[in-house]
């Protein structure tokens, strides 16, 4: 999962994306490629997919 920070680069003011490589989180600028490690980022919780749930149909 990639997270974007628009105009977040400290060097050029470009757009920064935050991603993970193995167990290291990093932020890298899309324009100038400035890269730095960041502290661990909390990953969003994934919602479980429930099979067999039916939608309510008001026409029935």
C-alpha atoms as a PDB file:
ATOM      1  CA  UNK A   1       0.000   0.000   0.000  1.00  0.00           C
ATOM      2  CA  UNK A   2       1.418   3.352  -1.023  1.00  0.00           C
ATOM      3  CA  UNK A   3       0.538   6.605   0.727  1.00  0.00           C
ATOM      4  CA  UNK A   4       1.080   9.981  -0.967  1.00  0.00           C
ATOM      5  CA  UNK A   5       2.003  13.304   0.620  1.00  0.00           C
ATOM      6  CA  UNK A   6       1.512  16.055  -1.934  1.00  0.00           C
ATOM      7  CA  UNK A   7       4.246  18.712  -1.908  1.00  0.00           C
ATOM      8  CA  UNK A   8       5.925  16.986   1.053  1.00  0.00           C
ATOM      9  CA  UNK A   9       9.558  16.825  -0.103  1.00  0.00           C
ATOM     10  CA  UNK A  10      11.903  18.881   2.100  1.00  0.00           C
ATOM     11  CA  UNK A  11      14.424  19.262  -0.740  1.00  0.00           C
ATOM     12  CA  UNK A  12      12.369  20.311  -3.792  1.00  0.00           C
ATOM     13  CA  UNK A  13       8.771  20.547  -2.577  1.00  0.00           C
ATOM     14  CA  UNK A  14       7.663  17.668  -4.820  1.00  0.00           C
ATOM     15  CA  UNK A  15       5.218  14.860  -4.178  1.00  0.00           C
ATOM     16  CA  UNK A  16       6.370  12.144  -1.770  1.00  0.00           C
ATOM     17  CA  UNK A  17       5.179   8.554  -1.568  1.00  0.00           C
ATOM     18  CA  UNK A  18       5.555   6.420   1.540  1.00  0.00           C
ATOM     19  CA  UNK A  19       6.107   2.711   1.026  1.00  0.00           C
ATOM     20  CA  UNK A  20       7.707  -0.306   2.658  1.00  0.00           C
ATOM     21  CA  UNK A  21      10.629  -2.440   1.592  1.00  0.00           C
ATOM     22  CA  UNK A  22      10.834  -5.595   3.694  1.00  0.00           C
ATOM     23  CA  UNK A  23      10.607  -4.200   7.256  1.00  0.00           C
ATOM     24  CA  UNK A  24      11.807  -0.654   6.503  1.00  0.00           C
ATOM     25  CA  UNK A  25       9.404   2.196   5.790  1.00  0.00           C
ATOM     26  CA  UNK A  26      10.686   5.011   3.584  1.00  0.00           C
ATOM     27  CA  UNK A  27       9.494   8.224   1.981  1.00  0.00           C
ATOM     28  CA  UNK A  28      10.719   9.029  -1.521  1.00  0.00           C
ATOM     29  CA  UNK A  29      10.146  12.079  -3.688  1.00  0.00           C
ATOM     30  CA  UNK A  30       8.720  11.411  -7.119  1.00  0.00           C
ATOM     31  CA  UNK A  31      10.449  14.417  -8.695  1.00  0.00           C
ATOM     32  CA  UNK A  32      14.008  14.501  -7.239  1.00  0.00           C
ATOM     33  CA  UNK A  33      14.223  10.942  -5.756  1.00  0.00           C
ATOM     34  CA  UNK A  34      15.179  12.249  -2.297  1.00  0.00           C
ATOM     35  CA  UNK A  35      14.708   9.276   0.040  1.00  0.00           C
ATOM     36  CA  UNK A  36      14.640   8.937   3.812  1.00  0.00           C
ATOM     37  CA  UNK A  37      13.602   6.274   6.284  1.00  0.00           C
ATOM     38  CA  UNK A  38      10.534   6.989   8.369  1.00  0.00           C
ATOM     39  CA  UNK A  39       9.246   5.536  11.622  1.00  0.00           C
ATOM     40  CA  UNK A  40       6.935   2.557  11.413  1.00  0.00           C
ATOM     41  CA  UNK A  41       3.570   3.376   9.871  1.00  0.00           C
ATOM     42  CA  UNK A  42       0.401   1.819  11.238  1.00  0.00           C
ATOM     43  CA  UNK A  43      -1.227  -0.282   8.538  1.00  0.00           C
ATOM     44  CA  UNK A  44      -4.988   0.060   8.143  1.00  0.00           C
ATOM     45  CA  UNK A  45      -7.053  -2.818   9.432  1.00  0.00           C
ATOM     46  CA  UNK A  46      -8.493  -4.982   6.698  1.00  0.00           C
ATOM     47  CA  UNK A  47     -12.211  -5.621   6.831  1.00  0.00           C
ATOM     48  CA  UNK A  48     -13.091  -9.313   6.658  1.00  0.00           C
ATOM     49  CA  UNK A  49     -14.992 -10.373   3.561  1.00  0.00           C
ATOM     50  CA  UNK A  50     -18.107 -12.295   4.468  1.00  0.00           C
ATOM     51  CA  UNK A  51     -19.268 -14.793   1.891  1.00  0.00           C
ATOM     52  CA  UNK A  52     -22.907 -15.564   1.368  1.00  0.00           C
ATOM     53  CA  UNK A  53     -24.339 -12.249   2.494  1.00  0.00           C
ATOM     54  CA  UNK A  54     -27.341 -11.155   0.514  1.00  0.00           C
ATOM     55  CA  UNK A  55     -28.255  -7.650  -0.474  1.00  0.00           C
ATOM     56  CA  UNK A  56     -31.661  -6.434   0.450  1.00  0.00           C
ATOM     57  CA  UNK A  57     -33.829  -6.052  -2.625  1.00  0.00           C
ATOM     58  CA  UNK A  58     -36.825  -3.733  -2.110  1.00  0.00           C
ATOM     59  CA  UNK A  59     -38.510  -5.041  -5.294  1.00  0.00           C
ATOM     60  CA  UNK A  60     -39.079  -8.538  -3.862  1.00  0.00           C
END
